[in-house]
Amino acid sequence: MKISVEDNILVDNLLLAINPYVLLGGVLLTSIAAFISAYVFSGTHDIKKSIILYIPISIVIATVITILGSPVIISIGIIGFGLVVLIYASNHFFYK
């Protein structure tokens, strides 16, 4: 019984088994949610309100992409990426 290198890569690396469209969709949706959250509170210059609006939206997005096949840790990472986008978008609206 001989196991090829390709089989070991697929077994060892679960990232290759994740649908890339689910990951791309999660990143795009959280980025859009972060930008909209920053835009809604752009006149107040208070990032806390933007984060409070962003968190429930991002949890829903993370739950959906987890159901579609993304691991939970990657879904949490996508939420963190969205927070970074939120900070930069909020900073953009602050100096505009």
N, C-alpha and C. Protein backbone atom coordinates (compact mmCIF):
# COMPACT_ATOMS: atom_id res chain seq x y z
N MET A 1 0.85 -1.17 0.00
CA MET A 1 0.00 0.00 0.00
C MET A 1 0.89 1.23 0.00
N LYS A 2 0.88 1.94 -1.09
CA LYS A 2 1.71 3.12 -1.24
C LYS A 2 0.83 4.36 -1.25
N ILE A 3 1.18 5.34 -0.41
CA ILE A 3 0.42 6.58 -0.33
C ILE A 3 1.21 7.66 -1.06
N SER A 4 0.55 8.36 -1.94
CA SER A 4 1.25 9.39 -2.72
C SER A 4 1.36 10.68 -1.90
N VAL A 5 2.23 11.55 -2.38
CA VAL A 5 2.47 12.83 -1.71
C VAL A 5 1.21 13.69 -1.76
N GLU A 6 0.49 13.65 -2.86
CA GLU A 6 -0.72 14.46 -2.98
C GLU A 6 -1.77 14.07 -1.94
N ASP A 7 -1.89 12.77 -1.66
CA ASP A 7 -2.84 12.33 -0.65
C ASP A 7 -2.46 12.83 0.74
N ASN A 8 -1.18 12.83 1.06
CA ASN A 8 -0.73 13.33 2.36
C ASN A 8 -0.98 14.82 2.50
N ILE A 9 -0.79 15.57 1.44
CA ILE A 9 -1.02 17.01 1.51
C ILE A 9 -2.50 17.29 1.79
N LEU A 10 -3.38 16.58 1.12
CA LEU A 10 -4.81 16.81 1.33
C LEU A 10 -5.26 16.39 2.72
N VAL A 11 -4.68 15.34 3.26
CA VAL A 11 -5.05 14.87 4.59
C VAL A 11 -4.48 15.79 5.66
N ASP A 12 -3.25 16.24 5.49
CA ASP A 12 -2.59 17.04 6.52
C ASP A 12 -3.05 18.49 6.52
N ASN A 13 -3.37 19.02 5.38
CA ASN A 13 -3.70 20.43 5.29
C ASN A 13 -5.19 20.58 4.99
N LEU A 14 -5.96 20.89 6.01
CA LEU A 14 -7.40 21.01 5.83
C LEU A 14 -7.80 22.30 5.13
N LEU A 15 -6.87 23.26 5.03
CA LEU A 15 -7.19 24.49 4.32
C LEU A 15 -7.46 24.24 2.84
N LEU A 16 -6.88 23.18 2.30
CA LEU A 16 -7.12 22.86 0.90
C LEU A 16 -8.52 22.33 0.67
N ALA A 17 -9.17 21.88 1.70
CA ALA A 17 -10.52 21.32 1.56
C ALA A 17 -11.61 22.37 1.73
N ILE A 18 -11.26 23.59 2.12
CA ILE A 18 -12.24 24.65 2.35
C ILE A 18 -12.60 25.29 1.00
N ASN A 19 -13.86 25.56 0.83
CA ASN A 19 -14.32 26.24 -0.38
C ASN A 19 -13.80 27.68 -0.39
N PRO A 20 -13.02 28.07 -1.40
CA PRO A 20 -12.46 29.43 -1.40
C PRO A 20 -13.53 30.50 -1.58
N TYR A 21 -14.65 30.17 -2.20
CA TYR A 21 -15.71 31.15 -2.38
C TYR A 21 -16.39 31.49 -1.05
N VAL A 22 -16.44 30.54 -0.14
CA VAL A 22 -16.98 30.80 1.19
C VAL A 22 -16.06 31.76 1.94
N LEU A 23 -14.77 31.53 1.84
CA LEU A 23 -13.81 32.42 2.51
C LEU A 23 -13.85 33.82 1.90
N LEU A 24 -13.85 33.90 0.59
CA LEU A 24 -13.89 35.20 -0.08
C LEU A 24 -15.19 35.93 0.25
N GLY A 25 -16.29 35.21 0.24
CA GLY A 25 -17.57 35.82 0.59
C GLY A 25 -17.59 36.33 2.02
N GLY A 26 -17.01 35.56 2.94
CA GLY A 26 -16.95 36.00 4.34
C GLY A 26 -16.10 37.25 4.51
N VAL A 27 -14.97 37.29 3.83
CA VAL A 27 -14.10 38.47 3.92
C VAL A 27 -14.78 39.69 3.31
N LEU A 28 -15.42 39.52 2.17
CA LEU A 28 -16.10 40.65 1.53
C LEU A 28 -17.28 41.14 2.37
N LEU A 29 -18.07 40.21 2.89
CA LEU A 29 -19.23 40.63 3.69
C LEU A 29 -18.82 41.32 4.99
N THR A 30 -17.79 40.82 5.65
CA THR A 30 -17.36 41.49 6.88
C THR A 30 -16.72 42.84 6.58
N SER A 31 -16.03 42.94 5.46
CA SER A 31 -15.45 44.24 5.08
C SER A 31 -16.55 45.25 4.78
N ILE A 32 -17.57 44.82 4.07
CA ILE A 32 -18.70 45.71 3.78
C ILE A 32 -19.42 46.10 5.06
N ALA A 33 -19.62 45.14 5.96
CA ALA A 33 -20.28 45.43 7.24
C ALA A 33 -19.45 46.41 8.06
N ALA A 34 -18.14 46.26 8.05
CA ALA A 34 -17.27 47.17 8.79
C ALA A 34 -17.32 48.56 8.20
N PHE A 35 -17.29 48.65 6.88
CA PHE A 35 -17.33 49.96 6.23
C PHE A 35 -18.66 50.66 6.49
N ILE A 36 -19.75 49.92 6.42
CA ILE A 36 -21.06 50.51 6.69
C ILE A 36 -21.18 50.94 8.15
N SER A 37 -20.65 50.13 9.07
CA SER A 37 -20.69 50.50 10.50
C SER A 37 -19.90 51.77 10.75
N ALA A 38 -18.77 51.91 10.10
CA ALA A 38 -17.99 53.14 10.26
C ALA A 38 -18.69 54.33 9.62
N TYR A 39 -19.36 54.09 8.50
CA TYR A 39 -20.04 55.18 7.79
C TYR A 39 -21.26 55.68 8.57
N VAL A 40 -21.99 54.77 9.20
CA VAL A 40 -23.19 55.16 9.94
C VAL A 40 -22.85 56.12 11.07
N PHE A 41 -21.74 55.87 11.74
CA PHE A 41 -21.34 56.74 12.86
C PHE A 41 -20.17 57.64 12.48
N SER A 42 -20.09 58.05 11.23
CA SER A 42 -18.96 58.88 10.80
C SER A 42 -19.03 60.30 11.38
N GLY A 43 -20.22 60.79 11.66
CA GLY A 43 -20.35 62.14 12.20
C GLY A 43 -20.05 62.22 13.69
N THR A 44 -20.07 61.12 14.40
CA THR A 44 -19.87 61.15 15.84
C THR A 44 -18.41 60.99 16.25
N HIS A 45 -17.60 60.43 15.38
CA HIS A 45 -16.18 60.15 15.66
C HIS A 45 -16.00 59.28 16.91
N ASP A 46 -16.96 58.38 17.12
CA ASP A 46 -16.90 57.46 18.26
C ASP A 46 -16.85 56.04 17.73
N ILE A 47 -15.69 55.43 17.82
CA ILE A 47 -15.50 54.08 17.26
C ILE A 47 -16.23 53.02 18.08
N LYS A 48 -16.51 53.32 19.34
CA LYS A 48 -17.20 52.35 20.19
C LYS A 48 -18.59 52.05 19.64
N LYS A 49 -19.30 53.05 19.17
CA LYS A 49 -20.63 52.84 18.60
C LYS A 49 -20.53 52.00 17.33
N SER A 50 -19.50 52.24 16.53
CA SER A 50 -19.32 51.47 15.30
C SER A 50 -19.04 50.01 15.60
N ILE A 51 -18.23 49.75 16.62
CA ILE A 51 -17.91 48.38 17.00
C ILE A 51 -19.14 47.67 17.55
N ILE A 52 -19.94 48.38 18.33
CA ILE A 52 -21.16 47.79 18.88
C ILE A 52 -22.13 47.43 17.75
N LEU A 53 -22.18 48.20 16.68
CA LEU A 53 -23.01 47.86 15.54
C LEU A 53 -22.40 46.72 14.73
N TYR A 54 -21.08 46.68 14.61
CA TYR A 54 -20.39 45.70 13.77
C TYR A 54 -20.42 44.28 14.36
N ILE A 55 -20.27 44.14 15.65
CA ILE A 55 -20.13 42.82 16.28
C ILE A 55 -21.32 41.90 16.00
N PRO A 56 -22.57 42.30 16.21
CA PRO A 56 -23.67 41.35 15.92
C PRO A 56 -23.76 40.97 14.44
N ILE A 57 -23.49 41.93 13.56
CA ILE A 57 -23.52 41.64 12.13
C ILE A 57 -22.44 40.64 11.77
N SER A 58 -21.25 40.82 12.31
CA SER A 58 -20.14 39.92 11.98
C SER A 58 -20.35 38.53 12.58
N ILE A 59 -21.01 38.45 13.72
CA ILE A 59 -21.29 37.14 14.30
C ILE A 59 -22.26 36.36 13.41
N VAL A 60 -23.23 37.04 12.85
CA VAL A 60 -24.16 36.39 11.93
C VAL A 60 -23.42 35.91 10.68
N ILE A 61 -22.55 36.75 10.13
CA ILE A 61 -21.78 36.37 8.95
C ILE A 61 -20.87 35.19 9.27
N ALA A 62 -20.20 35.23 10.42
CA ALA A 62 -19.32 34.13 10.80
C ALA A 62 -20.09 32.83 11.00
N THR A 63 -21.28 32.92 11.55
CA THR A 63 -22.11 31.72 11.73
C THR A 63 -22.50 31.13 10.38
N VAL A 64 -22.86 31.98 9.45
CA VAL A 64 -23.26 31.49 8.12
C VAL A 64 -22.09 30.83 7.41
N ILE A 65 -20.90 31.46 7.44
CA ILE A 65 -19.78 30.84 6.72
C ILE A 65 -19.29 29.59 7.45
N THR A 66 -19.50 29.50 8.75
CA THR A 66 -19.17 28.26 9.46
C THR A 66 -20.12 27.14 9.05
N ILE A 67 -21.39 27.47 8.90
CA ILE A 67 -22.36 26.47 8.45
C ILE A 67 -22.03 26.02 7.02
N LEU A 68 -21.52 26.94 6.20
CA LEU A 68 -21.19 26.61 4.82
C LEU A 68 -19.88 25.83 4.68
N GLY A 69 -19.14 25.64 5.78
CA GLY A 69 -17.98 24.77 5.71
C GLY A 69 -16.67 25.36 6.16
N SER A 70 -16.64 26.58 6.60
CA SER A 70 -15.40 27.17 7.08
C SER A 70 -15.17 26.77 8.54
N PRO A 71 -13.92 26.48 8.93
CA PRO A 71 -13.66 26.18 10.35
C PRO A 71 -13.94 27.40 11.24
N VAL A 72 -14.25 27.13 12.47
CA VAL A 72 -14.61 28.20 13.41
C VAL A 72 -13.46 29.18 13.61
N ILE A 73 -12.24 28.68 13.70
CA ILE A 73 -11.10 29.56 13.95
C ILE A 73 -10.88 30.52 12.78
N ILE A 74 -11.16 30.08 11.58
CA ILE A 74 -11.03 30.98 10.43
C ILE A 74 -12.16 32.00 10.43
N SER A 75 -13.34 31.60 10.86
CA SER A 75 -14.45 32.54 10.97
C SER A 75 -14.16 33.63 12.00
N ILE A 76 -13.54 33.25 13.10
CA ILE A 76 -13.14 34.23 14.11
C ILE A 76 -12.06 35.16 13.56
N GLY A 77 -11.15 34.60 12.79
CA GLY A 77 -10.12 35.43 12.15
C GLY A 77 -10.70 36.42 11.17
N ILE A 78 -11.74 36.02 10.47
CA ILE A 78 -12.38 36.93 9.53
C ILE A 78 -13.08 38.07 10.28
N ILE A 79 -13.63 37.78 11.46
CA ILE A 79 -14.20 38.84 12.30
C ILE A 79 -13.11 39.83 12.71
N GLY A 80 -11.95 39.30 13.08
CA GLY A 80 -10.82 40.17 13.44
C GLY A 80 -10.36 41.01 12.27
N PHE A 81 -10.34 40.42 11.07
CA PHE A 81 -9.98 41.18 9.88
C PHE A 81 -10.97 42.31 9.66
N GLY A 82 -12.25 42.04 9.87
CA GLY A 82 -13.27 43.07 9.73
C GLY A 82 -13.09 44.20 10.73
N LEU A 83 -12.64 43.87 11.93
CA LEU A 83 -12.36 44.92 12.93
C LEU A 83 -11.24 45.84 12.47
N VAL A 84 -10.22 45.26 11.84
CA VAL A 84 -9.13 46.08 11.31
C VAL A 84 -9.66 47.00 10.20
N VAL A 85 -10.50 46.46 9.33
CA VAL A 85 -11.11 47.29 8.29
C VAL A 85 -11.96 48.39 8.91
N LEU A 86 -12.68 48.06 9.97
CA LEU A 86 -13.50 49.05 10.67
C LEU A 86 -12.65 50.18 11.24
N ILE A 87 -11.52 49.85 11.81
CA ILE A 87 -10.64 50.87 12.39
C ILE A 87 -10.12 51.79 11.30
N TYR A 88 -9.67 51.22 10.19
CA TYR A 88 -9.16 52.05 9.10
C TYR A 88 -10.27 52.88 8.45
N ALA A 89 -11.45 52.32 8.29
CA ALA A 89 -12.55 53.07 7.71
C ALA A 89 -12.99 54.19 8.64
N SER A 90 -13.03 53.91 9.93
CA SER A 90 -13.39 54.94 10.90
C SER A 90 -12.37 56.06 10.90
N ASN A 91 -11.10 55.70 10.79
CA ASN A 91 -10.05 56.71 10.72
C ASN A 91 -10.18 57.55 9.45
N HIS A 92 -10.56 56.92 8.35
CA HIS A 92 -10.76 57.63 7.10
C HIS A 92 -11.88 58.66 7.23
N PHE A 93 -13.00 58.26 7.84
CA PHE A 93 -14.12 59.18 8.00
C PHE A 93 -13.83 60.25 9.04
N PHE A 94 -12.93 59.97 9.99
CA PHE A 94 -12.59 60.97 11.01
C PHE A 94 -11.84 62.13 10.40
N TYR A 95 -10.93 61.87 9.47
CA TYR A 95 -10.13 62.91 8.88
C TYR A 95 -10.72 63.47 7.59
N LYS A 96 -11.90 63.02 7.21
CA LYS A 96 -12.53 63.50 5.98
C LYS A 96 -13.21 64.82 6.20
